[in-house]
């Protein structure tokens, strides 16, 4: 089992797909990483040599912000907006949609389950 950036990536999948299990690496970055390390697209993780795994690990550590660092950076950006008291920060603080979506109906993902209002039914 290969461990890259603190994540155990699945061994039975292709390298390009397995790398997407790391937070901060999507399909595009995974494809670039495979090209930079010269790994063919159809190669699977369990077929990789130890030297190739080390190359991938070093490349990710050097060039990409992933996992804990990325999560911390995102959390700090949100905290900065909240401390500023700007509109986006207030929306984060209240747990409402940040990017202009309607809240009269929908927005259940951000607002949580619907709460019943007494005397509302006609």
PDB file of N, CA and C in Angstrom:
ATOM      1  N   UNK A   1       0.845  -1.188   0.000  1.00  0.00           N
ATOM      2  CA  UNK A   1       0.000   0.000   0.000  1.00  0.00           C
ATOM      3  C   UNK A   1       0.884   1.242   0.000  1.00  0.00           C
ATOM      4  N   UNK A   2       0.678   2.099  -0.971  1.00  0.00           N
ATOM      5  CA  UNK A   2       1.485   3.311  -1.090  1.00  0.00           C
ATOM      6  C   UNK A   2       0.914   4.413  -0.199  1.00  0.00           C
ATOM      7  N   UNK A   3       1.791   5.084   0.509  1.00  0.00           N
ATOM      8  CA  UNK A   3       1.375   6.182   1.385  1.00  0.00           C
ATOM      9  C   UNK A   3       2.032   7.459   0.870  1.00  0.00           C
ATOM     10  N   UNK A   4       1.176   8.377   0.376  1.00  0.00           N
ATOM     11  CA  UNK A   4       1.670   9.628  -0.189  1.00  0.00           C
ATOM     12  C   UNK A   4       0.946  10.777   0.497  1.00  0.00           C
ATOM     13  N   UNK A   5       1.684  11.754   0.983  1.00  0.00           N
ATOM     14  CA  UNK A   5       1.139  12.939   1.661  1.00  0.00           C
ATOM     15  C   UNK A   5       0.234  12.555   2.821  1.00  0.00           C
ATOM     16  N   UNK A   6       0.597  11.476   3.530  1.00  0.00           N
ATOM     17  CA  UNK A   6      -0.170  11.056   4.697  1.00  0.00           C
ATOM     18  C   UNK A   6      -1.460  10.327   4.371  1.00  0.00           C
ATOM     19  N   UNK A   7      -1.654   9.918   3.110  1.00  0.00           N
ATOM     20  CA  UNK A   7      -2.877   9.235   2.695  1.00  0.00           C
ATOM     21  C   UNK A   7      -2.512   7.889   2.086  1.00  0.00           C
ATOM     22  N   UNK A   8      -3.204   6.834   2.518  1.00  0.00           N
ATOM     23  CA  UNK A   8      -3.030   5.528   1.894  1.00  0.00           C
ATOM     24  C   UNK A   8      -3.854   5.512   0.616  1.00  0.00           C
ATOM     25  N   UNK A   9      -3.179   5.505  -0.524  1.00  0.00           N
ATOM     26  CA  UNK A   9      -3.917   5.509  -1.789  1.00  0.00           C
ATOM     27  C   UNK A   9      -4.211   4.070  -2.193  1.00  0.00           C
ATOM     28  N   UNK A  10      -5.363   3.825  -2.845  1.00  0.00           N
ATOM     29  CA  UNK A  10      -5.733   2.453  -3.220  1.00  0.00           C
ATOM     30  C   UNK A  10      -4.733   1.847  -4.205  1.00  0.00           C
ATOM     31  N   UNK A  11      -4.410   0.580  -4.001  1.00  0.00           N
ATOM     32  CA  UNK A  11      -3.376  -0.055  -4.810  1.00  0.00           C
ATOM     33  C   UNK A  11      -3.911  -0.694  -6.082  1.00  0.00           C
ATOM     34  N   UNK A  12      -5.203  -1.021  -6.123  1.00  0.00           N
ATOM     35  CA  UNK A  12      -5.727  -1.734  -7.283  1.00  0.00           C
ATOM     36  C   UNK A  12      -6.181  -0.810  -8.403  1.00  0.00           C
ATOM     37  N   UNK A  13      -6.110   0.499  -8.199  1.00  0.00           N
ATOM     38  CA  UNK A  13      -6.552   1.457  -9.223  1.00  0.00           C
ATOM     39  C   UNK A  13      -5.354   2.024  -9.973  1.00  0.00           C
ATOM     40  N   UNK A  14      -5.659   2.706 -11.095  1.00  0.00           N
ATOM     41  CA  UNK A  14      -4.592   3.355 -11.850  1.00  0.00           C
ATOM     42  C   UNK A  14      -4.013   4.501 -11.024  1.00  0.00           C
ATOM     43  N   UNK A  15      -2.761   4.835 -11.262  1.00  0.00           N
ATOM     44  CA  UNK A  15      -2.060   5.869 -10.491  1.00  0.00           C
ATOM     45  C   UNK A  15      -2.793   7.196 -10.609  1.00  0.00           C
ATOM     46  N   UNK A  16      -3.221   7.513 -11.829  1.00  0.00           N
ATOM     47  CA  UNK A  16      -3.896   8.788 -12.091  1.00  0.00           C
ATOM     48  C   UNK A  16      -5.157   8.945 -11.241  1.00  0.00           C
ATOM     49  N   UNK A  17      -5.891   7.864 -11.046  1.00  0.00           N
ATOM     50  CA  UNK A  17      -7.124   7.895 -10.254  1.00  0.00           C
ATOM     51  C   UNK A  17      -6.805   7.860  -8.763  1.00  0.00           C
ATOM     52  N   UNK A  18      -5.833   7.045  -8.374  1.00  0.00           N
ATOM     53  CA  UNK A  18      -5.483   6.907  -6.956  1.00  0.00           C
ATOM     54  C   UNK A  18      -4.988   8.216  -6.351  1.00  0.00           C
ATOM     55  N   UNK A  19      -4.272   9.011  -7.151  1.00  0.00           N
ATOM     56  CA  UNK A  19      -3.754  10.279  -6.623  1.00  0.00           C
ATOM     57  C   UNK A  19      -4.870  11.244  -6.251  1.00  0.00           C
ATOM     58  N   UNK A  20      -6.052  11.082  -6.855  1.00  0.00           N
ATOM     59  CA  UNK A  20      -7.159  11.999  -6.540  1.00  0.00           C
ATOM     60  C   UNK A  20      -7.718  11.765  -5.139  1.00  0.00           C
ATOM     61  N   UNK A  21      -7.308  10.686  -4.461  1.00  0.00           N
ATOM     62  CA  UNK A  21      -7.730  10.457  -3.083  1.00  0.00           C
ATOM     63  C   UNK A  21      -7.028  11.419  -2.123  1.00  0.00           C
ATOM     64  N   UNK A  22      -6.011  12.114  -2.592  1.00  0.00           N
ATOM     65  CA  UNK A  22      -5.303  13.110  -1.786  1.00  0.00           C
ATOM     66  C   UNK A  22      -6.045  14.434  -1.915  1.00  0.00           C
ATOM     67  N   UNK A  23      -6.385  15.048  -0.795  1.00  0.00           N
ATOM     68  CA  UNK A  23      -7.101  16.322  -0.796  1.00  0.00           C
ATOM     69  C   UNK A  23      -6.229  17.388  -1.443  1.00  0.00           C
ATOM     70  N   UNK A  24      -6.745  18.022  -2.485  1.00  0.00           N
ATOM     71  CA  UNK A  24      -6.003  19.061  -3.188  1.00  0.00           C
ATOM     72  C   UNK A  24      -5.470  18.611  -4.537  1.00  0.00           C
ATOM     73  N   UNK A  25      -5.618  17.322  -4.857  1.00  0.00           N
ATOM     74  CA  UNK A  25      -5.190  16.817  -6.164  1.00  0.00           C
ATOM     75  C   UNK A  25      -6.404  16.255  -6.877  1.00  0.00           C
ATOM     76  N   UNK A  26      -6.741  16.869  -8.003  1.00  0.00           N
ATOM     77  CA  UNK A  26      -7.852  16.404  -8.821  1.00  0.00           C
ATOM     78  C   UNK A  26      -7.317  15.660 -10.031  1.00  0.00           C
ATOM     79  N   UNK A  27      -8.203  15.442 -11.010  1.00  0.00           N
ATOM     80  CA  UNK A  27      -7.806  14.674 -12.191  1.00  0.00           C
ATOM     81  C   UNK A  27      -6.718  15.400 -12.990  1.00  0.00           C
ATOM     82  N   UNK A  28      -6.831  16.710 -13.110  1.00  0.00           N
ATOM     83  CA  UNK A  28      -5.852  17.473 -13.891  1.00  0.00           C
ATOM     84  C   UNK A  28      -4.464  17.423 -13.286  1.00  0.00           C
ATOM     85  N   UNK A  29      -4.369  17.698 -11.984  1.00  0.00           N
ATOM     86  CA  UNK A  29      -3.068  17.655 -11.311  1.00  0.00           C
ATOM     87  C   UNK A  29      -2.494  16.238 -11.322  1.00  0.00           C
ATOM     88  N   UNK A  30      -3.356  15.227 -11.152  1.00  0.00           N
ATOM     89  CA  UNK A  30      -2.890  13.839 -11.151  1.00  0.00           C
ATOM     90  C   UNK A  30      -2.289  13.489 -12.504  1.00  0.00           C
ATOM     91  N   UNK A  31      -2.912  13.958 -13.577  1.00  0.00           N
ATOM     92  CA  UNK A  31      -2.403  13.695 -14.927  1.00  0.00           C
ATOM     93  C   UNK A  31      -1.042  14.367 -15.120  1.00  0.00           C
ATOM     94  N   UNK A  32      -0.921  15.629 -14.647  1.00  0.00           N
ATOM     95  CA  UNK A  32       0.354  16.356 -14.753  1.00  0.00           C
ATOM     96  C   UNK A  32       1.464  15.640 -13.979  1.00  0.00           C
ATOM     97  N   UNK A  33       1.126  15.167 -12.779  1.00  0.00           N
ATOM     98  CA  UNK A  33       2.119  14.481 -11.946  1.00  0.00           C
ATOM     99  C   UNK A  33       2.621  13.229 -12.652  1.00  0.00           C
ATOM    100  N   UNK A  34       1.697  12.453 -13.231  1.00  0.00           N
ATOM    101  CA  UNK A  34       2.088  11.231 -13.952  1.00  0.00           C
ATOM    102  C   UNK A  34       2.976  11.563 -15.143  1.00  0.00           C
ATOM    103  N   UNK A  35       2.682  12.650 -15.838  1.00  0.00           N
ATOM    104  CA  UNK A  35       3.515  13.048 -16.979  1.00  0.00           C
ATOM    105  C   UNK A  35       4.906  13.473 -16.521  1.00  0.00           C
ATOM    106  N   UNK A  36       4.983  14.226 -15.414  1.00  0.00           N
ATOM    107  CA  UNK A  36       6.281  14.710 -14.933  1.00  0.00           C
ATOM    108  C   UNK A  36       7.181  13.571 -14.449  1.00  0.00           C
ATOM    109  N   UNK A  37       6.566  12.521 -13.883  1.00  0.00           N
ATOM    110  CA  UNK A  37       7.341  11.395 -13.371  1.00  0.00           C
ATOM    111  C   UNK A  37       7.512  10.306 -14.440  1.00  0.00           C
ATOM    112  N   UNK A  38       6.909  10.512 -15.619  1.00  0.00           N
ATOM    113  CA  UNK A  38       6.973   9.566 -16.741  1.00  0.00           C
ATOM    114  C   UNK A  38       6.378   8.200 -16.394  1.00  0.00           C
ATOM    115  N   UNK A  39       5.148   8.225 -15.880  1.00  0.00           N
ATOM    116  CA  UNK A  39       4.416   6.992 -15.596  1.00  0.00           C
ATOM    117  C   UNK A  39       3.321   6.857 -16.645  1.00  0.00           C
ATOM    118  N   UNK A  40       3.228   5.701 -17.326  1.00  0.00           N
ATOM    119  CA  UNK A  40       2.172   5.529 -18.329  1.00  0.00           C
ATOM    120  C   UNK A  40       0.781   5.567 -17.690  1.00  0.00           C
ATOM    121  N   UNK A  41      -0.219   5.993 -18.468  1.00  0.00           N
ATOM    122  CA  UNK A  41      -1.583   6.178 -17.947  1.00  0.00           C
ATOM    123  C   UNK A  41      -2.203   4.885 -17.429  1.00  0.00           C
ATOM    124  N   UNK A  42      -1.875   3.753 -18.047  1.00  0.00           N
ATOM    125  CA  UNK A  42      -2.536   2.495 -17.674  1.00  0.00           C
ATOM    126  C   UNK A  42      -1.853   1.776 -16.503  1.00  0.00           C
ATOM    127  N   UNK A  43      -0.765   2.314 -15.975  1.00  0.00           N
ATOM    128  CA  UNK A  43      -0.031   1.685 -14.864  1.00  0.00           C
ATOM    129  C   UNK A  43      -0.847   1.776 -13.579  1.00  0.00           C
ATOM    130  N   UNK A  44      -0.841   0.688 -12.819  1.00  0.00           N
ATOM    131  CA  UNK A  44      -1.563   0.643 -11.546  1.00  0.00           C
ATOM    132  C   UNK A  44      -0.583   0.850 -10.390  1.00  0.00           C
ATOM    133  N   UNK A  45      -1.127   1.252  -9.244  1.00  0.00           N
ATOM    134  CA  UNK A  45      -0.280   1.596  -8.093  1.00  0.00           C
ATOM    135  C   UNK A  45       0.526   0.386  -7.624  1.00  0.00           C
ATOM    136  N   UNK A  46      -0.071  -0.818  -7.631  1.00  0.00           N
ATOM    137  CA  UNK A  46       0.666  -1.989  -7.148  1.00  0.00           C
ATOM    138  C   UNK A  46       1.779  -2.407  -8.110  1.00  0.00           C
ATOM    139  N   UNK A  47       1.804  -1.858  -9.327  1.00  0.00           N
ATOM    140  CA  UNK A  47       2.866  -2.144 -10.287  1.00  0.00           C
ATOM    141  C   UNK A  47       4.021  -1.144 -10.201  1.00  0.00           C
ATOM    142  N   UNK A  48       3.874  -0.104  -9.364  1.00  0.00           N
ATOM    143  CA  UNK A  48       4.914   0.924  -9.258  1.00  0.00           C
ATOM    144  C   UNK A  48       6.120   0.404  -8.481  1.00  0.00           C
ATOM    145  N   UNK A  49       7.290   0.831  -8.907  1.00  0.00           N
ATOM    146  CA  UNK A  49       8.508   0.535  -8.150  1.00  0.00           C
ATOM    147  C   UNK A  49       8.609   1.526  -6.985  1.00  0.00           C
ATOM    148  N   UNK A  50       9.382   1.154  -5.979  1.00  0.00           N
ATOM    149  CA  UNK A  50       9.554   2.032  -4.812  1.00  0.00           C
ATOM    150  C   UNK A  50      10.146   3.377  -5.216  1.00  0.00           C
ATOM    151  N   UNK A  51      11.052   3.367  -6.184  1.00  0.00           N
ATOM    152  CA  UNK A  51      11.679   4.620  -6.620  1.00  0.00           C
ATOM    153  C   UNK A  51      10.647   5.558  -7.254  1.00  0.00           C
ATOM    154  N   UNK A  52       9.667   4.985  -7.980  1.00  0.00           N
ATOM    155  CA  UNK A  52       8.621   5.810  -8.602  1.00  0.00           C
ATOM    156  C   UNK A  52       7.707   6.410  -7.541  1.00  0.00           C
ATOM    157  N   UNK A  53       7.372   5.631  -6.520  1.00  0.00           N
ATOM    158  CA  UNK A  53       6.536   6.143  -5.424  1.00  0.00           C
ATOM    159  C   UNK A  53       7.259   7.286  -4.719  1.00  0.00           C
ATOM    160  N   UNK A  54       8.559   7.128  -4.512  1.00  0.00           N
ATOM    161  CA  UNK A  54       9.352   8.183  -3.862  1.00  0.00           C
ATOM    162  C   UNK A  54       9.389   9.438  -4.733  1.00  0.00           C
ATOM    163  N   UNK A  55       9.532   9.256  -6.056  1.00  0.00           N
ATOM    164  CA  UNK A  55       9.524  10.402  -6.968  1.00  0.00           C
ATOM    165  C   UNK A  55       8.198  11.158  -6.890  1.00  0.00           C
ATOM    166  N   UNK A  56       7.091  10.421  -6.892  1.00  0.00           N
ATOM    167  CA  UNK A  56       5.760  11.045  -6.801  1.00  0.00           C
ATOM    168  C   UNK A  56       5.646  11.801  -5.488  1.00  0.00           C
ATOM    169  N   UNK A  57       6.054  11.151  -4.393  1.00  0.00           N
ATOM    170  CA  UNK A  57       5.958  11.764  -3.055  1.00  0.00           C
ATOM    171  C   UNK A  57       6.768  13.065  -2.998  1.00  0.00           C
ATOM    172  N   UNK A  58       7.980  13.049  -3.524  1.00  0.00           N
ATOM    173  CA  UNK A  58       8.836  14.243  -3.497  1.00  0.00           C
ATOM    174  C   UNK A  58       8.269  15.353  -4.370  1.00  0.00           C
ATOM    175  N   UNK A  59       7.733  14.991  -5.531  1.00  0.00           N
ATOM    176  CA  UNK A  59       7.143  15.985  -6.429  1.00  0.00           C
ATOM    177  C   UNK A  59       5.945  16.675  -5.778  1.00  0.00           C
ATOM    178  N   UNK A  60       5.085  15.887  -5.128  1.00  0.00           N
ATOM    179  CA  UNK A  60       3.899  16.464  -4.468  1.00  0.00           C
ATOM    180  C   UNK A  60       4.319  17.353  -3.306  1.00  0.00           C
ATOM    181  N   UNK A  61       5.272  16.885  -2.500  1.00  0.00           N
ATOM    182  CA  UNK A  61       5.737  17.685  -1.358  1.00  0.00           C
ATOM    183  C   UNK A  61       6.354  19.001  -1.812  1.00  0.00           C
ATOM    184  N   UNK A  62       7.063  18.970  -2.945  1.00  0.00           N
ATOM    185  CA  UNK A  62       7.769  20.155  -3.417  1.00  0.00           C
ATOM    186  C   UNK A  62       6.838  21.160  -4.114  1.00  0.00           C
ATOM    187  N   UNK A  63       5.924  20.674  -4.957  1.00  0.00           N
ATOM    188  CA  UNK A  63       5.198  21.572  -5.859  1.00  0.00           C
ATOM    189  C   UNK A  63       3.730  21.834  -5.514  1.00  0.00           C
ATOM    190  N   UNK A  64       3.122  21.032  -4.642  1.00  0.00           N
ATOM    191  CA  UNK A  64       1.687  21.163  -4.411  1.00  0.00           C
ATOM    192  C   UNK A  64       1.373  21.350  -2.934  1.00  0.00           C
ATOM    193  N   UNK A  65       0.328  22.145  -2.668  1.00  0.00           N
ATOM    194  CA  UNK A  65      -0.166  22.284  -1.304  1.00  0.00           C
ATOM    195  C   UNK A  65      -1.330  21.311  -1.151  1.00  0.00           C
ATOM    196  N   UNK A  66      -1.173  20.316  -0.291  1.00  0.00           N
ATOM    197  CA  UNK A  66      -2.180  19.264  -0.160  1.00  0.00           C
ATOM    198  C   UNK A  66      -2.485  18.985   1.304  1.00  0.00           C
ATOM    199  N   UNK A  67      -3.580  18.253   1.510  1.00  0.00           N
ATOM    200  CA  UNK A  67      -4.022  17.752   2.809  1.00  0.00           C
ATOM    201  C   UNK A  67      -4.039  18.819   3.908  1.00  0.00           C
ATOM    202  N   UNK A  68      -3.297  18.615   4.989  1.00  0.00           N
ATOM    203  CA  UNK A  68      -3.378  19.476   6.169  1.00  0.00           C
ATOM    204  C   UNK A  68      -3.062  20.932   5.885  1.00  0.00           C
ATOM    205  N   UNK A  69      -2.029  21.185   5.092  1.00  0.00           N
ATOM    206  CA  UNK A  69      -1.647  22.561   4.771  1.00  0.00           C
ATOM    207  C   UNK A  69      -2.755  23.266   4.006  1.00  0.00           C
ATOM    208  N   UNK A  70      -3.344  22.571   3.037  1.00  0.00           N
ATOM    209  CA  UNK A  70      -4.416  23.157   2.234  1.00  0.00           C
ATOM    210  C   UNK A  70      -5.652  23.419   3.076  1.00  0.00           C
ATOM    211  N   UNK A  71      -6.021  22.445   3.919  1.00  0.00           N
ATOM    212  CA  UNK A  71      -7.187  22.620   4.803  1.00  0.00           C
ATOM    213  C   UNK A  71      -6.965  23.795   5.757  1.00  0.00           C
ATOM    214  N   UNK A  72      -5.763  23.895   6.310  1.00  0.00           N
ATOM    215  CA  UNK A  72      -5.439  24.987   7.234  1.00  0.00           C
ATOM    216  C   UNK A  72      -5.503  26.335   6.519  1.00  0.00           C
ATOM    217  N   UNK A  73      -4.981  26.392   5.302  1.00  0.00           N
ATOM    218  CA  UNK A  73      -4.997  27.623   4.518  1.00  0.00           C
ATOM    219  C   UNK A  73      -6.427  28.058   4.207  1.00  0.00           C
ATOM    220  N   UNK A  74      -7.272  27.098   3.817  1.00  0.00           N
ATOM    221  CA  UNK A  74      -8.679  27.400   3.528  1.00  0.00           C
ATOM    222  C   UNK A  74      -9.386  27.903   4.783  1.00  0.00           C
ATOM    223  N   UNK A  75      -9.155  27.229   5.914  1.00  0.00           N
ATOM    224  CA  UNK A  75      -9.781  27.641   7.177  1.00  0.00           C
ATOM    225  C   UNK A  75      -9.325  29.041   7.578  1.00  0.00           C
ATOM    226  N   UNK A  76      -8.049  29.355   7.361  1.00  0.00           N
ATOM    227  CA  UNK A  76      -7.537  30.683   7.701  1.00  0.00           C
ATOM    228  C   UNK A  76      -8.153  31.755   6.808  1.00  0.00           C
ATOM    229  N   UNK A  77      -8.358  31.436   5.523  1.00  0.00           N
ATOM    230  CA  UNK A  77      -9.009  32.395   4.622  1.00  0.00           C
ATOM    231  C   UNK A  77     -10.434  32.693   5.063  1.00  0.00           C
ATOM    232  N   UNK A  78     -11.169  31.647   5.462  1.00  0.00           N
ATOM    233  CA  UNK A  78     -12.543  31.841   5.931  1.00  0.00           C
ATOM    234  C   UNK A  78     -12.550  32.631   7.238  1.00  0.00           C
ATOM    235  N   UNK A  79     -11.622  32.308   8.142  1.00  0.00           N
ATOM    236  CA  UNK A  79     -11.534  33.030   9.420  1.00  0.00           C
ATOM    237  C   UNK A  79     -11.217  34.511   9.185  1.00  0.00           C
ATOM    238  N   UNK A  80     -10.326  34.784   8.203  1.00  0.00           N
ATOM    239  CA  UNK A  80      -9.986  36.173   7.878  1.00  0.00           C
ATOM    240  C   UNK A  80     -11.223  36.936   7.415  1.00  0.00           C
ATOM    241  N   UNK A  81     -12.038  36.308   6.561  1.00  0.00           N
ATOM    242  CA  UNK A  81     -13.264  36.957   6.086  1.00  0.00           C
ATOM    243  C   UNK A  81     -14.223  37.224   7.250  1.00  0.00           C
ATOM    244  N   UNK A  82     -14.311  36.260   8.166  1.00  0.00           N
ATOM    245  CA  UNK A  82     -15.211  36.432   9.308  1.00  0.00           C
ATOM    246  C   UNK A  82     -14.722  37.549  10.231  1.00  0.00           C
ATOM    247  N   UNK A  83     -13.407  37.635  10.446  1.00  0.00           N
ATOM    248  CA  UNK A  83     -12.849  38.671  11.316  1.00  0.00           C
ATOM    249  C   UNK A  83     -13.016  40.062  10.708  1.00  0.00           C
ATOM    250  N   UNK A  84     -12.920  40.136   9.372  1.00  0.00           N
ATOM    251  CA  UNK A  84     -13.111  41.419   8.694  1.00  0.00           C
ATOM    252  C   UNK A  84     -14.541  41.932   8.848  1.00  0.00           C
ATOM    253  N   UNK A  85     -15.466  40.990   8.941  1.00  0.00           N
ATOM    254  CA  UNK A  85     -16.871  41.379   9.027  1.00  0.00           C
ATOM    255  C   UNK A  85     -17.454  41.741   7.674  1.00  0.00           C
ATOM    256  N   UNK A  86     -16.831  41.282   6.599  1.00  0.00           N
ATOM    257  CA  UNK A  86     -17.367  41.556   5.273  1.00  0.00           C
ATOM    258  C   UNK A  86     -18.591  40.670   5.034  1.00  0.00           C
ATOM    259  N   UNK A  87     -19.290  40.924   3.941  1.00  0.00           N
ATOM    260  CA  UNK A  87     -20.535  40.206   3.655  1.00  0.00           C
ATOM    261  C   UNK A  87     -20.302  38.700   3.607  1.00  0.00           C
ATOM    262  N   UNK A  88     -19.262  38.271   2.887  1.00  0.00           N
ATOM    263  CA  UNK A  88     -18.972  36.842   2.793  1.00  0.00           C
ATOM    264  C   UNK A  88     -18.654  36.248   4.162  1.00  0.00           C
ATOM    265  N   UNK A  89     -17.957  36.997   5.004  1.00  0.00           N
ATOM    266  CA  UNK A  89     -17.646  36.533   6.347  1.00  0.00           C
ATOM    267  C   UNK A  89     -18.886  36.381   7.200  1.00  0.00           C
ATOM    268  N   UNK A  90     -19.823  37.328   7.065  1.00  0.00           N
ATOM    269  CA  UNK A  90     -21.079  37.234   7.824  1.00  0.00           C
ATOM    270  C   UNK A  90     -21.881  36.019   7.389  1.00  0.00           C
ATOM    271  N   UNK A  91     -21.904  35.728   6.086  1.00  0.00           N
ATOM    272  CA  UNK A  91     -22.633  34.560   5.581  1.00  0.00           C
ATOM    273  C   UNK A  91     -22.009  33.275   6.131  1.00  0.00           C
ATOM    274  N   UNK A  92     -20.670  33.216   6.188  1.00  0.00           N
ATOM    275  CA  UNK A  92     -20.010  32.053   6.777  1.00  0.00           C
ATOM    276  C   UNK A  92     -20.383  31.928   8.242  1.00  0.00           C
ATOM    277  N   UNK A  93     -20.365  33.048   8.967  1.00  0.00           N
ATOM    278  CA  UNK A  93     -20.643  33.039  10.396  1.00  0.00           C
ATOM    279  C   UNK A  93     -22.057  32.546  10.690  1.00  0.00           C
ATOM    280  N   UNK A  94     -23.020  32.940   9.849  1.00  0.00           N
ATOM    281  CA  UNK A  94     -24.418  32.548  10.067  1.00  0.00           C
ATOM    282  C   UNK A  94     -24.766  31.191   9.473  1.00  0.00           C
ATOM    283  N   UNK A  95     -23.831  30.593   8.732  1.00  0.00           N
ATOM    284  CA  UNK A  95     -24.087  29.284   8.148  1.00  0.00           C
ATOM    285  C   UNK A  95     -25.050  29.337   6.976  1.00  0.00           C
ATOM    286  N   UNK A  96     -25.019  30.434   6.235  1.00  0.00           N
ATOM    287  CA  UNK A  96     -25.888  30.601   5.072  1.00  0.00           C
ATOM    288  C   UNK A  96     -25.054  30.506   3.800  1.00  0.00           C
ATOM    289  N   UNK A  97     -25.693  30.335   2.631  1.00  0.00           N
ATOM    290  CA  UNK A  97     -24.933  30.274   1.382  1.00  0.00           C
ATOM    291  C   UNK A  97     -24.132  31.555   1.155  1.00  0.00           C
ATOM    292  N   UNK A  98     -22.905  31.402   0.672  1.00  0.00           N
ATOM    293  CA  UNK A  98     -21.983  32.519   0.559  1.00  0.00           C
ATOM    294  C   UNK A  98     -22.017  33.153  -0.826  1.00  0.00           C
ATOM    295  N   UNK A  99     -22.336  32.374  -1.848  1.00  0.00           N
ATOM    296  CA  UNK A  99     -22.151  32.827  -3.225  1.00  0.00           C
ATOM    297  C   UNK A  99     -23.427  33.255  -3.925  1.00  0.00           C
ATOM    298  N   UNK A 100     -24.339  33.867  -3.199  1.00  0.00           N
ATOM    299  CA  UNK A 100     -25.480  34.510  -3.839  1.00  0.00           C
ATOM    300  C   UNK A 100     -26.666  33.612  -4.125  1.00  0.00           C
ATOM    301  N   UNK A 101     -26.679  32.385  -3.619  1.00  0.00           N
ATOM    302  CA  UNK A 101     -27.815  31.516  -3.866  1.00  0.00           C
ATOM    303  C   UNK A 101     -29.023  31.980  -3.064  1.00  0.00           C
ATOM    304  N   UNK A 102     -30.219  31.606  -3.522  1.00  0.00           N
ATOM    305  CA  UNK A 102     -31.436  31.999  -2.813  1.00  0.00           C
ATOM    306  C   UNK A 102     -31.588  31.187  -1.531  1.00  0.00           C
ATOM    307  N   UNK A 103     -32.264  31.783  -0.543  1.00  0.00           N
ATOM    308  CA  UNK A 103     -32.455  31.084   0.722  1.00  0.00           C
ATOM    309  C   UNK A 103     -33.927  30.982   1.114  1.00  0.00           C
ATOM    310  N   UNK A 104     -34.827  31.604   0.353  1.00  0.00           N
ATOM    311  CA  UNK A 104     -36.254  31.527   0.691  1.00  0.00           C
ATOM    312  C   UNK A 104     -36.700  30.065   0.660  1.00  0.00           C
ATOM    313  N   UNK A 105     -36.346  29.378  -0.412  1.00  0.00           N
ATOM    314  CA  UNK A 105     -36.496  27.918  -0.451  1.00  0.00           C
ATOM    315  C   UNK A 105     -35.101  27.372  -0.718  1.00  0.00           C
ATOM    316  N   UNK A 106     -34.947  26.086  -0.593  1.00  0.00           N
ATOM    317  CA  UNK A 106     -33.662  25.414  -0.827  1.00  0.00           C
ATOM    318  C   UNK A 106     -32.621  25.823   0.222  1.00  0.00           C
ATOM    319  N   UNK A 107     -31.367  25.749  -0.086  1.00  0.00           N
ATOM    320  CA  UNK A 107     -30.248  26.049   0.820  1.00  0.00           C
ATOM    321  C   UNK A 107     -30.243  25.139   2.044  1.00  0.00           C
ATOM    322  N   UNK A 108     -30.819  23.947   1.933  1.00  0.00           N
ATOM    323  CA  UNK A 108     -30.877  23.033   3.083  1.00  0.00           C
ATOM    324  C   UNK A 108     -29.502  22.485   3.451  1.00  0.00           C
ATOM    325  N   UNK A 109     -28.604  22.414   2.499  1.00  0.00           N
ATOM    326  CA  UNK A 109     -27.268  21.897   2.796  1.00  0.00           C
ATOM    327  C   UNK A 109     -26.578  22.810   3.803  1.00  0.00           C
ATOM    328  N   UNK A 110     -26.669  24.107   3.614  1.00  0.00           N
ATOM    329  CA  UNK A 110     -26.023  25.059   4.524  1.00  0.00           C
ATOM    330  C   UNK A 110     -26.848  25.293   5.792  1.00  0.00           C
ATOM    331  N   UNK A 111     -28.176  25.341   5.653  1.00  0.00           N
ATOM    332  CA  UNK A 111     -29.020  25.714   6.793  1.00  0.00           C
ATOM    333  C   UNK A 111     -29.376  24.541   7.696  1.00  0.00           C
ATOM    334  N   UNK A 112     -29.223  23.321   7.203  1.00  0.00           N
ATOM    335  CA  UNK A 112     -29.570  22.140   7.991  1.00  0.00           C
ATOM    336  C   UNK A 112     -31.028  21.759   7.768  1.00  0.00           C
ATOM    337  N   UNK A 113     -31.514  20.767   8.523  1.00  0.00           N
ATOM    338  CA  UNK A 113     -32.899  20.320   8.337  1.00  0.00           C
ATOM    339  C   UNK A 113     -33.898  21.420   8.651  1.00  0.00           C
ATOM    340  N   UNK A 114     -35.057  21.381   7.955  1.00  0.00           N
ATOM    341  CA  UNK A 114     -36.082  22.409   8.140  1.00  0.00           C
ATOM    342  C   UNK A 114     -36.636  22.354   9.560  1.00  0.00           C
ATOM    343  N   UNK A 115     -36.893  23.523  10.137  1.00  0.00           N
ATOM    344  CA  UNK A 115     -37.463  23.614  11.479  1.00  0.00           C
ATOM    345  C   UNK A 115     -38.923  24.028  11.353  1.00  0.00           C
ATOM    346  N   UNK A 116     -39.789  23.348  12.058  1.00  0.00           N
ATOM    347  CA  UNK A 116     -41.224  23.649  11.995  1.00  0.00           C
ATOM    348  C   UNK A 116     -41.498  24.971  12.694  1.00  0.00           C
ATOM    349  N   UNK A 117     -42.446  25.741  12.132  1.00  0.00           N
ATOM    350  CA  UNK A 117     -42.854  27.011  12.733  1.00  0.00           C
ATOM    351  C   UNK A 117     -44.272  26.842  13.273  1.00  0.00           C
ATOM    352  N   UNK A 118     -44.494  27.183  14.543  1.00  0.00           N
ATOM    353  CA  UNK A 118     -45.810  26.997  15.178  1.00  0.00           C
ATOM    354  C   UNK A 118     -46.814  27.977  14.567  1.00  0.00           C
ATOM    355  N   UNK A 119     -48.002  27.494  14.247  1.00  0.00           N
ATOM    356  CA  UNK A 119     -49.075  28.333  13.737  1.00  0.00           C
ATOM    357  C   UNK A 119     -48.920  28.733  12.274  1.00  0.00           C
ATOM    358  N   UNK A 120     -48.033  28.084  11.556  1.00  0.00           N
ATOM    359  CA  UNK A 120     -47.779  28.448  10.160  1.00  0.00           C
ATOM    360  C   UNK A 120     -48.831  27.838   9.226  1.00  0.00           C
ATOM    361  N   UNK A 121     -49.326  26.617   9.547  1.00  0.00           N
ATOM    362  CA  UNK A 121     -50.232  25.871   8.670  1.00  0.00           C
ATOM    363  C   UNK A 121     -51.576  26.575   8.558  1.00  0.00           C
ATOM    364  N   UNK A 122     -52.083  26.698   7.321  1.00  0.00           N
ATOM    365  CA  UNK A 122     -53.376  27.377   7.128  1.00  0.00           C
ATOM    366  C   UNK A 122     -54.474  26.388   6.937  1.00  0.00           C
TER     367      UNK A 122
END
